[in-house]
Amino acid sequence: MLRTIEVLLSGGPTPEYARPGDAGADLRAAEAVSLAPGERATVGTGIALALPDGYAAFVMPRSGLAARNGITLVNGPGTVDAGYRGEIRVTLLNTDARETFEIRPGDRIAQLVIQPIVRARFVPVEALPGSHRGEQGFGSTGYRGEPTEGGTP
């Protein structure tokens, strides 16, 4: 489905999808930033969006930046609500222990995924209905080949 999103440009290019079928549109830096090892910085993209009611945009890390340079998002994914009209800014973190990473205007720094949102009405109850998983949390189905209570990894 193709949805038209109004974009206000104030120094950055319009987000673009690199390939047909991509879920995320590239967000580019509108400013130069130097990230020393372990340092984080909020980088402007020079764009603002008018998302329709019932939609949100999620700012996601770029896998290539993470794999090659150790650059990721501090707040990833970051949520852009439909009512927000300010500049989209991306808080990047350099996880590399040795190398400074230089960001130049126009560099792809994150990706933007736009999704329809379901709003919930939260209703307090005395108990929740049962489920197969129950209250089991992280690692409840096993990890790294370790067996679970049922004996299968």
N, C-alpha and C. Protein backbone atom coordinates (compact mmCIF):
# COMPACT_ATOMS: atom_id res chain seq x y z
N MET A 1 0.85 -1.17 0.00
CA MET A 1 0.00 0.00 0.00
C MET A 1 0.89 1.24 0.00
N LEU A 2 0.57 2.19 -0.82
CA LEU A 2 1.33 3.44 -0.89
C LEU A 2 0.51 4.53 -0.21
N ARG A 3 1.10 5.22 0.73
CA ARG A 3 0.43 6.29 1.47
C ARG A 3 1.24 7.56 1.28
N THR A 4 0.58 8.68 0.99
CA THR A 4 1.26 9.96 0.83
C THR A 4 1.48 10.59 2.21
N ILE A 5 2.72 10.98 2.47
CA ILE A 5 3.08 11.63 3.74
C ILE A 5 3.68 12.99 3.40
N GLU A 6 3.13 14.04 3.98
CA GLU A 6 3.67 15.38 3.76
C GLU A 6 4.96 15.55 4.56
N VAL A 7 5.99 16.10 3.89
CA VAL A 7 7.31 16.28 4.49
C VAL A 7 7.71 17.74 4.38
N LEU A 8 8.07 18.34 5.52
CA LEU A 8 8.59 19.70 5.53
C LEU A 8 10.10 19.61 5.58
N LEU A 9 10.77 20.17 4.57
CA LEU A 9 12.22 20.12 4.49
C LEU A 9 12.82 21.39 5.06
N SER A 10 13.76 21.23 5.99
CA SER A 10 14.45 22.39 6.56
C SER A 10 15.95 22.13 6.61
N GLY A 11 16.47 21.54 5.55
CA GLY A 11 17.90 21.29 5.49
C GLY A 11 18.27 19.86 5.20
N GLY A 12 17.30 19.00 5.09
CA GLY A 12 17.59 17.60 4.79
C GLY A 12 16.79 17.13 3.59
N PRO A 13 17.22 16.05 2.97
CA PRO A 13 16.49 15.52 1.81
C PRO A 13 15.27 14.71 2.23
N THR A 14 14.35 14.54 1.32
CA THR A 14 13.17 13.72 1.55
C THR A 14 13.60 12.27 1.81
N PRO A 15 13.01 11.60 2.80
CA PRO A 15 13.33 10.17 2.99
C PRO A 15 13.03 9.39 1.71
N GLU A 16 13.88 8.40 1.43
CA GLU A 16 13.71 7.60 0.22
C GLU A 16 13.93 6.13 0.54
N TYR A 17 13.20 5.28 -0.18
CA TYR A 17 13.41 3.84 -0.10
C TYR A 17 14.51 3.48 -1.09
N ALA A 18 15.49 2.71 -0.65
CA ALA A 18 16.62 2.36 -1.51
C ALA A 18 16.22 1.36 -2.59
N ARG A 19 15.33 0.43 -2.25
CA ARG A 19 14.94 -0.61 -3.20
C ARG A 19 13.44 -0.86 -3.11
N PRO A 20 12.84 -1.33 -4.19
CA PRO A 20 11.43 -1.70 -4.13
C PRO A 20 11.21 -2.77 -3.05
N GLY A 21 10.15 -2.61 -2.29
CA GLY A 21 9.84 -3.58 -1.25
C GLY A 21 10.49 -3.30 0.09
N ASP A 22 11.40 -2.32 0.18
CA ASP A 22 12.02 -1.99 1.46
C ASP A 22 10.97 -1.48 2.44
N ALA A 23 11.08 -1.88 3.70
CA ALA A 23 10.17 -1.41 4.74
C ALA A 23 10.59 -0.05 5.27
N GLY A 24 11.89 0.21 5.30
CA GLY A 24 12.40 1.45 5.87
C GLY A 24 12.91 2.40 4.81
N ALA A 25 12.56 3.68 4.96
CA ALA A 25 13.07 4.74 4.10
C ALA A 25 14.29 5.35 4.78
N ASP A 26 15.31 5.65 4.01
CA ASP A 26 16.55 6.19 4.58
C ASP A 26 16.35 7.60 5.12
N LEU A 27 16.84 7.82 6.33
CA LEU A 27 16.95 9.16 6.92
C LEU A 27 18.40 9.58 6.81
N ARG A 28 18.62 10.81 6.40
CA ARG A 28 19.99 11.31 6.20
C ARG A 28 20.29 12.44 7.18
N ALA A 29 21.57 12.55 7.52
CA ALA A 29 22.02 13.61 8.42
C ALA A 29 21.93 14.96 7.71
N ALA A 30 21.51 15.97 8.45
CA ALA A 30 21.46 17.34 7.92
C ALA A 30 22.62 18.16 8.47
N GLU A 31 23.49 17.53 9.25
CA GLU A 31 24.60 18.24 9.88
C GLU A 31 25.78 17.30 10.06
N ALA A 32 26.96 17.87 10.23
CA ALA A 32 28.17 17.09 10.48
C ALA A 32 28.30 16.86 11.98
N VAL A 33 28.64 15.63 12.32
CA VAL A 33 28.84 15.25 13.73
C VAL A 33 30.00 14.27 13.80
N SER A 34 30.83 14.42 14.81
CA SER A 34 31.93 13.50 15.06
C SER A 34 31.59 12.72 16.33
N LEU A 35 31.56 11.39 16.22
CA LEU A 35 31.25 10.53 17.35
C LEU A 35 32.50 9.77 17.79
N ALA A 36 33.06 10.16 18.91
CA ALA A 36 34.22 9.45 19.46
C ALA A 36 33.76 8.11 20.01
N PRO A 37 34.67 7.17 20.25
CA PRO A 37 34.29 5.88 20.82
C PRO A 37 33.47 6.05 22.10
N GLY A 38 32.35 5.36 22.16
CA GLY A 38 31.47 5.42 23.33
C GLY A 38 30.60 6.66 23.41
N GLU A 39 30.75 7.59 22.49
CA GLU A 39 30.01 8.85 22.54
C GLU A 39 28.66 8.73 21.83
N ARG A 40 27.70 9.53 22.28
CA ARG A 40 26.40 9.61 21.61
C ARG A 40 26.12 11.06 21.26
N ALA A 41 25.31 11.26 20.24
CA ALA A 41 24.92 12.60 19.81
C ALA A 41 23.58 12.52 19.11
N THR A 42 22.82 13.59 19.25
CA THR A 42 21.55 13.69 18.55
C THR A 42 21.79 14.46 17.26
N VAL A 43 21.44 13.82 16.15
CA VAL A 43 21.73 14.35 14.82
C VAL A 43 20.42 14.73 14.13
N GLY A 44 20.37 15.97 13.64
CA GLY A 44 19.19 16.43 12.92
C GLY A 44 19.10 15.83 11.53
N THR A 45 17.87 15.63 11.07
CA THR A 45 17.65 15.13 9.71
C THR A 45 17.15 16.23 8.79
N GLY A 46 16.74 17.36 9.36
CA GLY A 46 16.24 18.47 8.56
C GLY A 46 14.88 18.22 7.95
N ILE A 47 14.12 17.27 8.53
CA ILE A 47 12.77 17.01 8.02
C ILE A 47 11.78 16.91 9.18
N ALA A 48 10.54 17.25 8.88
CA ALA A 48 9.41 17.05 9.78
C ALA A 48 8.30 16.41 8.94
N LEU A 49 7.45 15.62 9.59
CA LEU A 49 6.39 14.90 8.89
C LEU A 49 5.01 15.29 9.39
N ALA A 50 4.02 15.12 8.54
CA ALA A 50 2.62 15.21 8.95
C ALA A 50 2.03 13.83 8.74
N LEU A 51 2.15 12.99 9.76
CA LEU A 51 1.58 11.64 9.67
C LEU A 51 0.07 11.71 9.88
N PRO A 52 -0.68 10.94 9.13
CA PRO A 52 -2.12 10.92 9.35
C PRO A 52 -2.47 10.26 10.68
N ASP A 53 -3.59 10.64 11.24
CA ASP A 53 -4.06 10.01 12.47
C ASP A 53 -4.17 8.51 12.23
N GLY A 54 -3.77 7.73 13.22
CA GLY A 54 -3.81 6.28 13.09
C GLY A 54 -2.51 5.68 12.58
N TYR A 55 -1.49 6.52 12.39
CA TYR A 55 -0.18 6.06 11.93
C TYR A 55 0.90 6.56 12.88
N ALA A 56 2.02 5.87 12.90
CA ALA A 56 3.21 6.32 13.60
C ALA A 56 4.41 5.96 12.75
N ALA A 57 5.51 6.66 12.95
CA ALA A 57 6.76 6.33 12.27
C ALA A 57 7.75 5.87 13.32
N PHE A 58 8.55 4.90 12.96
CA PHE A 58 9.55 4.35 13.88
C PHE A 58 10.93 4.52 13.27
N VAL A 59 11.81 5.17 14.02
CA VAL A 59 13.19 5.39 13.58
C VAL A 59 14.00 4.18 14.04
N MET A 60 14.58 3.49 13.05
CA MET A 60 15.30 2.23 13.29
C MET A 60 16.77 2.38 12.92
N PRO A 61 17.63 1.57 13.56
CA PRO A 61 19.05 1.61 13.19
C PRO A 61 19.26 1.02 11.79
N ARG A 62 20.36 1.38 11.19
CA ARG A 62 20.77 0.81 9.89
C ARG A 62 21.72 -0.35 10.18
N SER A 63 21.40 -1.51 9.67
CA SER A 63 22.22 -2.70 9.97
C SER A 63 23.64 -2.55 9.45
N GLY A 64 23.83 -1.91 8.30
CA GLY A 64 25.18 -1.73 7.76
C GLY A 64 26.05 -0.86 8.64
N LEU A 65 25.49 0.23 9.17
CA LEU A 65 26.25 1.10 10.08
C LEU A 65 26.64 0.34 11.35
N ALA A 66 25.73 -0.47 11.84
CA ALA A 66 26.01 -1.22 13.06
C ALA A 66 27.09 -2.28 12.81
N ALA A 67 26.95 -3.03 11.72
CA ALA A 67 27.89 -4.12 11.45
C ALA A 67 29.28 -3.61 11.10
N ARG A 68 29.37 -2.56 10.28
CA ARG A 68 30.67 -2.08 9.81
C ARG A 68 31.34 -1.10 10.76
N ASN A 69 30.53 -0.28 11.46
CA ASN A 69 31.12 0.81 12.24
C ASN A 69 30.71 0.84 13.70
N GLY A 70 29.80 -0.03 14.13
CA GLY A 70 29.36 -0.02 15.51
C GLY A 70 28.44 1.14 15.86
N ILE A 71 27.78 1.71 14.85
CA ILE A 71 26.89 2.85 15.08
C ILE A 71 25.46 2.34 15.21
N THR A 72 24.81 2.68 16.31
CA THR A 72 23.44 2.25 16.54
C THR A 72 22.64 3.40 17.16
N LEU A 73 21.39 3.14 17.46
CA LEU A 73 20.52 4.14 18.08
C LEU A 73 20.45 3.91 19.58
N VAL A 74 20.44 5.01 20.33
CA VAL A 74 20.27 4.91 21.77
C VAL A 74 18.82 4.56 22.09
N ASN A 75 17.90 5.19 21.43
CA ASN A 75 16.48 4.97 21.66
C ASN A 75 15.90 4.33 20.40
N GLY A 76 16.20 3.06 20.21
CA GLY A 76 15.76 2.43 18.98
C GLY A 76 14.83 1.28 19.25
N PRO A 77 13.67 1.25 18.66
CA PRO A 77 13.23 2.29 17.73
C PRO A 77 12.71 3.52 18.45
N GLY A 78 12.90 4.65 17.82
CA GLY A 78 12.31 5.89 18.31
C GLY A 78 10.94 6.05 17.68
N THR A 79 9.99 6.53 18.44
CA THR A 79 8.62 6.66 17.96
C THR A 79 8.31 8.10 17.58
N VAL A 80 7.77 8.27 16.38
CA VAL A 80 7.28 9.57 15.93
C VAL A 80 5.75 9.46 15.87
N ASP A 81 5.07 10.15 16.79
CA ASP A 81 3.61 10.10 16.84
C ASP A 81 2.99 10.96 15.75
N ALA A 82 1.76 10.65 15.39
CA ALA A 82 1.05 11.36 14.32
C ALA A 82 0.93 12.85 14.61
N GLY A 83 0.82 13.24 15.84
CA GLY A 83 0.65 14.65 16.17
C GLY A 83 1.93 15.46 16.25
N TYR A 84 3.08 14.81 16.19
CA TYR A 84 4.36 15.52 16.29
C TYR A 84 4.69 16.19 14.97
N ARG A 85 5.08 17.46 15.03
CA ARG A 85 5.40 18.21 13.81
C ARG A 85 6.81 18.79 13.82
N GLY A 86 7.63 18.42 14.80
CA GLY A 86 8.99 18.93 14.88
C GLY A 86 9.95 18.13 14.03
N GLU A 87 11.19 18.61 13.99
CA GLU A 87 12.23 17.91 13.22
C GLU A 87 12.47 16.52 13.80
N ILE A 88 12.66 15.56 12.93
CA ILE A 88 13.05 14.22 13.37
C ILE A 88 14.56 14.26 13.62
N ARG A 89 14.92 13.93 14.86
CA ARG A 89 16.32 13.90 15.25
C ARG A 89 16.64 12.47 15.69
N VAL A 90 17.85 12.03 15.43
CA VAL A 90 18.25 10.65 15.67
C VAL A 90 19.41 10.65 16.66
N THR A 91 19.24 9.95 17.78
CA THR A 91 20.31 9.85 18.77
C THR A 91 21.15 8.62 18.47
N LEU A 92 22.36 8.87 17.97
CA LEU A 92 23.28 7.81 17.58
C LEU A 92 24.30 7.54 18.67
N LEU A 93 24.78 6.31 18.73
CA LEU A 93 25.79 5.88 19.70
C LEU A 93 26.90 5.15 18.95
N ASN A 94 28.14 5.54 19.21
CA ASN A 94 29.29 4.85 18.64
C ASN A 94 29.75 3.79 19.63
N THR A 95 29.48 2.52 19.32
CA THR A 95 29.86 1.43 20.22
C THR A 95 31.28 0.92 19.97
N ASP A 96 31.94 1.45 18.94
CA ASP A 96 33.31 1.03 18.65
C ASP A 96 34.23 1.51 19.77
N ALA A 97 35.11 0.64 20.22
CA ALA A 97 36.00 0.98 21.34
C ALA A 97 37.20 1.81 20.92
N ARG A 98 37.51 1.89 19.60
CA ARG A 98 38.73 2.55 19.17
C ARG A 98 38.55 3.67 18.16
N GLU A 99 37.58 3.55 17.27
CA GLU A 99 37.49 4.47 16.12
C GLU A 99 36.42 5.55 16.30
N THR A 100 36.79 6.78 15.97
CA THR A 100 35.82 7.87 15.89
C THR A 100 35.07 7.72 14.57
N PHE A 101 33.79 8.03 14.57
CA PHE A 101 32.98 7.93 13.36
C PHE A 101 32.53 9.33 12.96
N GLU A 102 32.80 9.69 11.73
CA GLU A 102 32.45 11.00 11.20
C GLU A 102 31.16 10.92 10.39
N ILE A 103 30.21 11.77 10.73
CA ILE A 103 28.95 11.86 10.00
C ILE A 103 28.97 13.17 9.22
N ARG A 104 28.68 13.07 7.93
CA ARG A 104 28.63 14.25 7.06
C ARG A 104 27.20 14.49 6.63
N PRO A 105 26.84 15.73 6.33
CA PRO A 105 25.49 15.98 5.81
C PRO A 105 25.23 15.11 4.59
N GLY A 106 24.06 14.49 4.58
CA GLY A 106 23.69 13.60 3.48
C GLY A 106 23.94 12.14 3.76
N ASP A 107 24.72 11.82 4.81
CA ASP A 107 24.97 10.41 5.15
C ASP A 107 23.68 9.76 5.64
N ARG A 108 23.46 8.53 5.24
CA ARG A 108 22.31 7.76 5.74
C ARG A 108 22.62 7.32 7.17
N ILE A 109 21.76 7.72 8.12
CA ILE A 109 22.04 7.45 9.54
C ILE A 109 21.01 6.56 10.21
N ALA A 110 19.84 6.41 9.61
CA ALA A 110 18.78 5.60 10.21
C ALA A 110 17.76 5.30 9.12
N GLN A 111 16.77 4.52 9.49
CA GLN A 111 15.67 4.29 8.55
C GLN A 111 14.34 4.53 9.26
N LEU A 112 13.36 4.93 8.48
CA LEU A 112 12.05 5.30 8.99
C LEU A 112 11.03 4.30 8.48
N VAL A 113 10.33 3.65 9.42
CA VAL A 113 9.29 2.69 9.07
C VAL A 113 7.96 3.28 9.52
N ILE A 114 7.01 3.38 8.60
CA ILE A 114 5.69 3.95 8.90
C ILE A 114 4.69 2.81 8.98
N GLN A 115 3.90 2.81 10.08
CA GLN A 115 2.96 1.72 10.30
C GLN A 115 1.62 2.24 10.82
N PRO A 116 0.55 1.55 10.46
CA PRO A 116 -0.74 1.86 11.10
C PRO A 116 -0.68 1.42 12.57
N ILE A 117 -1.38 2.14 13.39
CA ILE A 117 -1.36 1.90 14.84
C ILE A 117 -2.76 1.56 15.34
N VAL A 118 -2.83 0.58 16.20
CA VAL A 118 -4.08 0.23 16.86
C VAL A 118 -4.05 0.83 18.26
N ARG A 119 -5.04 1.64 18.58
CA ARG A 119 -5.14 2.19 19.94
C ARG A 119 -5.97 1.24 20.78
N ALA A 120 -5.59 1.08 22.02
CA ALA A 120 -6.25 0.14 22.92
C ALA A 120 -7.03 0.88 23.99
N ARG A 121 -8.06 0.26 24.49
CA ARG A 121 -8.76 0.71 25.68
C ARG A 121 -8.37 -0.27 26.77
N PHE A 122 -7.65 0.20 27.78
CA PHE A 122 -7.15 -0.67 28.84
C PHE A 122 -8.20 -0.80 29.93
N VAL A 123 -8.57 -2.04 30.25
CA VAL A 123 -9.64 -2.33 31.20
C VAL A 123 -9.07 -3.14 32.37
N PRO A 124 -9.08 -2.60 33.59
CA PRO A 124 -8.61 -3.37 34.74
C PRO A 124 -9.50 -4.58 34.98
N VAL A 125 -8.88 -5.73 35.29
CA VAL A 125 -9.61 -6.96 35.59
C VAL A 125 -9.01 -7.60 36.83
N GLU A 126 -9.69 -8.55 37.41
CA GLU A 126 -9.20 -9.27 38.59
C GLU A 126 -8.17 -10.34 38.21
N ALA A 127 -8.31 -10.93 37.03
CA ALA A 127 -7.38 -11.97 36.57
C ALA A 127 -7.36 -11.98 35.04
N LEU A 128 -6.29 -12.48 34.49
CA LEU A 128 -6.18 -12.59 33.04
C LEU A 128 -6.54 -14.00 32.59
N PRO A 129 -7.04 -14.13 31.37
CA PRO A 129 -7.31 -15.48 30.86
C PRO A 129 -6.00 -16.24 30.70
N GLY A 130 -6.05 -17.55 30.77
CA GLY A 130 -4.86 -18.37 30.64
C GLY A 130 -4.31 -18.35 29.22
N SER A 131 -3.05 -18.77 29.08
CA SER A 131 -2.43 -18.90 27.77
C SER A 131 -1.41 -20.03 27.84
N HIS A 132 -0.94 -20.47 26.69
CA HIS A 132 0.05 -21.54 26.65
C HIS A 132 1.36 -21.09 27.30
N ARG A 133 1.74 -19.85 27.11
CA ARG A 133 3.00 -19.33 27.64
C ARG A 133 2.91 -18.99 29.12
N GLY A 134 1.76 -18.49 29.55
CA GLY A 134 1.61 -18.10 30.95
C GLY A 134 2.46 -16.91 31.30
N GLU A 135 3.15 -16.98 32.44
CA GLU A 135 3.97 -15.87 32.92
C GLU A 135 5.44 -16.01 32.56
N GLN A 136 5.80 -16.99 31.73
CA GLN A 136 7.20 -17.19 31.39
C GLN A 136 7.69 -16.05 30.52
N GLY A 137 8.86 -15.50 30.84
CA GLY A 137 9.40 -14.34 30.14
C GLY A 137 10.61 -14.67 29.30
N PHE A 138 11.60 -13.78 29.30
CA PHE A 138 12.81 -13.90 28.49
C PHE A 138 13.45 -15.27 28.67
N GLY A 139 13.74 -15.91 27.56
CA GLY A 139 14.42 -17.19 27.60
C GLY A 139 13.52 -18.36 27.95
N SER A 140 12.19 -18.14 27.98
CA SER A 140 11.29 -19.20 28.40
C SER A 140 11.23 -20.35 27.40
N THR A 141 11.66 -20.14 26.16
CA THR A 141 11.67 -21.23 25.18
C THR A 141 13.08 -21.75 24.96
N GLY A 142 14.01 -21.32 25.81
CA GLY A 142 15.40 -21.75 25.70
C GLY A 142 16.17 -20.88 24.74
N TYR A 143 17.48 -20.89 24.87
CA TYR A 143 18.36 -20.16 23.97
C TYR A 143 19.72 -20.84 24.00
N ARG A 144 20.49 -20.66 22.93
CA ARG A 144 21.82 -21.29 22.79
C ARG A 144 21.76 -22.79 22.95
N GLY A 145 20.65 -23.39 22.55
CA GLY A 145 20.55 -24.84 22.60
C GLY A 145 20.28 -25.40 23.98
N GLU A 146 20.07 -24.54 24.98
CA GLU A 146 19.78 -25.04 26.32
C GLU A 146 18.36 -25.59 26.35
N PRO A 147 18.14 -26.72 27.01
CA PRO A 147 16.79 -27.28 27.06
C PRO A 147 15.86 -26.45 27.94
N THR A 148 14.58 -26.48 27.60
CA THR A 148 13.56 -25.83 28.41
C THR A 148 13.00 -26.87 29.39
N GLU A 149 12.02 -26.48 30.19
CA GLU A 149 11.43 -27.41 31.14
C GLU A 149 10.89 -28.65 30.46
N GLY A 150 10.35 -28.50 29.24
CA GLY A 150 9.80 -29.63 28.50
C GLY A 150 10.88 -30.52 27.91
N GLY A 151 12.15 -30.11 27.99
CA GLY A 151 13.24 -30.93 27.52
C GLY A 151 13.71 -30.66 26.11
N THR A 152 13.06 -29.75 25.38
CA THR A 152 13.51 -29.47 24.01
C THR A 152 14.14 -28.09 23.95
N PRO A 153 15.19 -27.95 23.16
CA PRO A 153 15.83 -26.63 23.05
C PRO A 153 15.00 -25.64 22.25
